[in-house]
Amino acid sequence: MTIVELQQWVSRFHSSRCWTEYGPFIRTGFLMEEWASWHEPSAPRKSAGIVRTSRRNKLLNRFNSQSDKAGS
């Protein structure tokens, strides 16, 4: 895989999850949350769409609440 192919794959991956509008740190958080959801041995498997949506919302809520505290 060339660097151009990798960049195209990353772009498609982030676009398919509607992550392109977020910065790199939030996207990294999404990746960690998604990876963790598939590697928890005792967790029941959920469909990928449900996991993405619920994890994304949970992470964004946590990020927004921390931003609000920092701005006060």
N, C-alpha and C. Protein backbone atom coordinates (compact mmCIF):
# COMPACT_ATOMS: atom_id res chain seq x y z
N MET A 1 0.85 -1.17 0.00
CA MET A 1 0.00 0.00 0.00
C MET A 1 0.90 1.24 0.00
N THR A 2 0.64 2.13 -0.91
CA THR A 2 1.41 3.37 -0.97
C THR A 2 0.81 4.40 -0.02
N ILE A 3 1.53 5.49 0.22
CA ILE A 3 1.02 6.53 1.11
C ILE A 3 -0.24 7.17 0.55
N VAL A 4 -0.32 7.28 -0.75
CA VAL A 4 -1.53 7.85 -1.38
C VAL A 4 -2.72 6.93 -1.15
N GLU A 5 -2.51 5.63 -1.32
CA GLU A 5 -3.59 4.67 -1.08
C GLU A 5 -4.03 4.71 0.38
N LEU A 6 -3.07 4.84 1.30
CA LEU A 6 -3.40 4.93 2.72
C LEU A 6 -4.23 6.19 3.00
N GLN A 7 -3.82 7.31 2.45
CA GLN A 7 -4.56 8.56 2.65
C GLN A 7 -5.99 8.45 2.10
N GLN A 8 -6.14 7.80 0.96
CA GLN A 8 -7.47 7.61 0.39
C GLN A 8 -8.32 6.70 1.27
N TRP A 9 -7.71 5.64 1.79
CA TRP A 9 -8.44 4.72 2.66
C TRP A 9 -8.89 5.42 3.94
N VAL A 10 -7.99 6.20 4.55
CA VAL A 10 -8.33 6.92 5.78
C VAL A 10 -9.46 7.91 5.51
N SER A 11 -9.38 8.59 4.39
CA SER A 11 -10.42 9.55 4.03
C SER A 11 -11.78 8.86 3.86
N ARG A 12 -11.79 7.73 3.17
CA ARG A 12 -13.05 6.97 3.00
C ARG A 12 -13.56 6.45 4.33
N PHE A 13 -12.66 5.95 5.18
CA PHE A 13 -13.04 5.41 6.49
C PHE A 13 -13.69 6.48 7.34
N HIS A 14 -13.07 7.66 7.44
CA HIS A 14 -13.62 8.74 8.25
C HIS A 14 -14.92 9.28 7.66
N SER A 15 -15.01 9.34 6.35
CA SER A 15 -16.24 9.81 5.70
C SER A 15 -17.39 8.84 5.94
N SER A 16 -17.11 7.55 5.91
CA SER A 16 -18.18 6.56 6.11
C SER A 16 -18.75 6.62 7.52
N ARG A 17 -18.00 7.18 8.46
CA ARG A 17 -18.46 7.30 9.84
C ARG A 17 -18.85 8.73 10.21
N CYS A 18 -18.86 9.62 9.22
CA CYS A 18 -19.20 11.04 9.42
C CYS A 18 -18.27 11.70 10.43
N TRP A 19 -16.99 11.38 10.37
CA TRP A 19 -16.01 11.94 11.30
C TRP A 19 -15.21 13.07 10.68
N THR A 20 -15.39 13.35 9.42
CA THR A 20 -14.53 14.32 8.74
C THR A 20 -14.69 15.74 9.29
N GLU A 21 -15.82 16.03 9.92
CA GLU A 21 -16.05 17.37 10.43
C GLU A 21 -15.35 17.63 11.76
N TYR A 22 -14.79 16.59 12.37
CA TYR A 22 -14.14 16.72 13.67
C TYR A 22 -12.62 16.76 13.52
N GLY A 23 -11.96 17.31 14.52
CA GLY A 23 -10.51 17.40 14.52
C GLY A 23 -9.86 16.05 14.78
N PRO A 24 -8.54 16.00 14.65
CA PRO A 24 -7.82 14.73 14.78
C PRO A 24 -7.91 14.11 16.17
N PHE A 25 -7.98 14.92 17.21
CA PHE A 25 -8.03 14.36 18.56
C PHE A 25 -9.38 13.69 18.84
N ILE A 26 -10.45 14.30 18.37
CA ILE A 26 -11.77 13.70 18.56
C ILE A 26 -11.87 12.42 17.73
N ARG A 27 -11.36 12.44 16.49
CA ARG A 27 -11.39 11.23 15.67
C ARG A 27 -10.58 10.11 16.31
N THR A 28 -9.46 10.45 16.92
CA THR A 28 -8.66 9.43 17.61
C THR A 28 -9.46 8.84 18.76
N GLY A 29 -10.17 9.69 19.48
CA GLY A 29 -11.04 9.20 20.56
C GLY A 29 -12.10 8.26 20.04
N PHE A 30 -12.71 8.61 18.90
CA PHE A 30 -13.71 7.73 18.30
C PHE A 30 -13.10 6.38 17.96
N LEU A 31 -11.89 6.38 17.40
CA LEU A 31 -11.23 5.13 17.05
C LEU A 31 -10.96 4.28 18.28
N MET A 32 -10.50 4.92 19.36
CA MET A 32 -10.23 4.17 20.60
C MET A 32 -11.52 3.58 21.18
N GLU A 33 -12.59 4.37 21.17
CA GLU A 33 -13.87 3.88 21.68
C GLU A 33 -14.39 2.73 20.83
N GLU A 34 -14.28 2.87 19.51
CA GLU A 34 -14.77 1.81 18.62
C GLU A 34 -13.94 0.54 18.79
N TRP A 35 -12.62 0.69 18.87
CA TRP A 35 -11.75 -0.47 19.06
C TRP A 35 -12.08 -1.16 20.38
N ALA A 36 -12.27 -0.37 21.43
CA ALA A 36 -12.56 -0.95 22.76
C ALA A 36 -13.89 -1.71 22.75
N SER A 37 -14.86 -1.19 22.01
CA SER A 37 -16.17 -1.85 21.99
C SER A 37 -16.10 -3.23 21.33
N TRP A 38 -15.14 -3.43 20.44
CA TRP A 38 -15.01 -4.72 19.78
C TRP A 38 -14.03 -5.64 20.48
N HIS A 39 -13.32 -5.13 21.49
CA HIS A 39 -12.33 -5.95 22.17
C HIS A 39 -12.64 -6.17 23.65
N GLU A 40 -13.85 -5.83 24.08
CA GLU A 40 -14.28 -6.13 25.44
C GLU A 40 -14.80 -7.56 25.45
N PRO A 41 -14.13 -8.46 26.14
CA PRO A 41 -14.51 -9.87 26.07
C PRO A 41 -15.90 -10.17 26.60
N SER A 42 -16.37 -9.44 27.61
CA SER A 42 -17.66 -9.77 28.20
C SER A 42 -18.81 -8.98 27.59
N ALA A 43 -18.50 -8.02 26.75
CA ALA A 43 -19.56 -7.17 26.17
C ALA A 43 -20.28 -7.90 25.05
N PRO A 44 -21.59 -7.81 25.03
CA PRO A 44 -22.33 -8.40 23.91
C PRO A 44 -22.05 -7.61 22.64
N ARG A 45 -22.05 -8.29 21.52
CA ARG A 45 -21.79 -7.64 20.24
C ARG A 45 -22.99 -6.80 19.83
N LYS A 46 -22.72 -5.59 19.38
CA LYS A 46 -23.76 -4.71 18.85
C LYS A 46 -23.47 -4.51 17.37
N SER A 47 -24.46 -4.06 16.66
CA SER A 47 -24.18 -3.76 15.25
C SER A 47 -23.26 -2.54 15.19
N ALA A 48 -22.45 -2.46 14.18
CA ALA A 48 -21.44 -1.40 14.07
C ALA A 48 -22.08 -0.02 14.06
N GLY A 49 -23.22 0.14 13.41
CA GLY A 49 -23.88 1.44 13.34
C GLY A 49 -24.33 1.93 14.70
N ILE A 50 -24.87 1.04 15.51
CA ILE A 50 -25.32 1.41 16.85
C ILE A 50 -24.13 1.78 17.72
N VAL A 51 -23.07 1.01 17.63
CA VAL A 51 -21.87 1.28 18.42
C VAL A 51 -21.30 2.64 18.03
N ARG A 52 -21.18 2.88 16.73
CA ARG A 52 -20.60 4.15 16.27
C ARG A 52 -21.42 5.33 16.78
N THR A 53 -22.73 5.27 16.63
CA THR A 53 -23.58 6.39 17.01
C THR A 53 -23.56 6.62 18.51
N SER A 54 -23.74 5.57 19.30
CA SER A 54 -23.79 5.76 20.75
C SER A 54 -22.44 6.16 21.30
N ARG A 55 -21.36 5.57 20.83
CA ARG A 55 -20.02 5.93 21.31
C ARG A 55 -19.67 7.36 20.90
N ARG A 56 -20.02 7.73 19.67
CA ARG A 56 -19.72 9.09 19.19
C ARG A 56 -20.45 10.12 20.05
N ASN A 57 -21.75 9.88 20.30
CA ASN A 57 -22.51 10.82 21.11
C ASN A 57 -21.98 10.90 22.53
N LYS A 58 -21.62 9.77 23.10
CA LYS A 58 -21.08 9.73 24.45
C LYS A 58 -19.77 10.52 24.54
N LEU A 59 -18.90 10.32 23.56
CA LEU A 59 -17.62 11.01 23.55
C LEU A 59 -17.79 12.51 23.33
N LEU A 60 -18.68 12.88 22.41
CA LEU A 60 -18.91 14.31 22.16
C LEU A 60 -19.52 14.99 23.37
N ASN A 61 -20.43 14.33 24.06
CA ASN A 61 -21.01 14.91 25.27
C ASN A 61 -19.94 15.12 26.33
N ARG A 62 -19.05 14.16 26.49
CA ARG A 62 -17.96 14.28 27.46
C ARG A 62 -17.03 15.43 27.06
N PHE A 63 -16.71 15.52 25.76
CA PHE A 63 -15.83 16.58 25.28
C PHE A 63 -16.47 17.95 25.48
N ASN A 64 -17.76 18.07 25.14
CA ASN A 64 -18.46 19.35 25.28
C ASN A 64 -18.55 19.78 26.74
N SER A 65 -18.80 18.85 27.65
CA SER A 65 -18.90 19.22 29.06
C SER A 65 -17.54 19.67 29.60
N GLN A 66 -16.45 19.05 29.13
CA GLN A 66 -15.11 19.48 29.56
C GLN A 66 -14.78 20.85 28.98
N SER A 67 -15.21 21.12 27.75
CA SER A 67 -14.96 22.42 27.12
C SER A 67 -15.71 23.51 27.87
N ASP A 68 -16.94 23.20 28.29
CA ASP A 68 -17.73 24.18 29.04
C ASP A 68 -17.07 24.53 30.36
N LYS A 69 -16.52 23.52 31.03
CA LYS A 69 -15.83 23.76 32.31
C LYS A 69 -14.58 24.58 32.11
N ALA A 70 -13.85 24.32 31.03
CA ALA A 70 -12.60 25.04 30.77
C ALA A 70 -12.89 26.50 30.44
N GLY A 71 -14.02 26.77 29.80
CA GLY A 71 -14.36 28.14 29.42
C GLY A 71 -14.90 28.97 30.57
N SER A 72 -15.28 28.34 31.67
CA SER A 72 -15.86 29.07 32.80
C SER A 72 -14.81 29.79 33.61
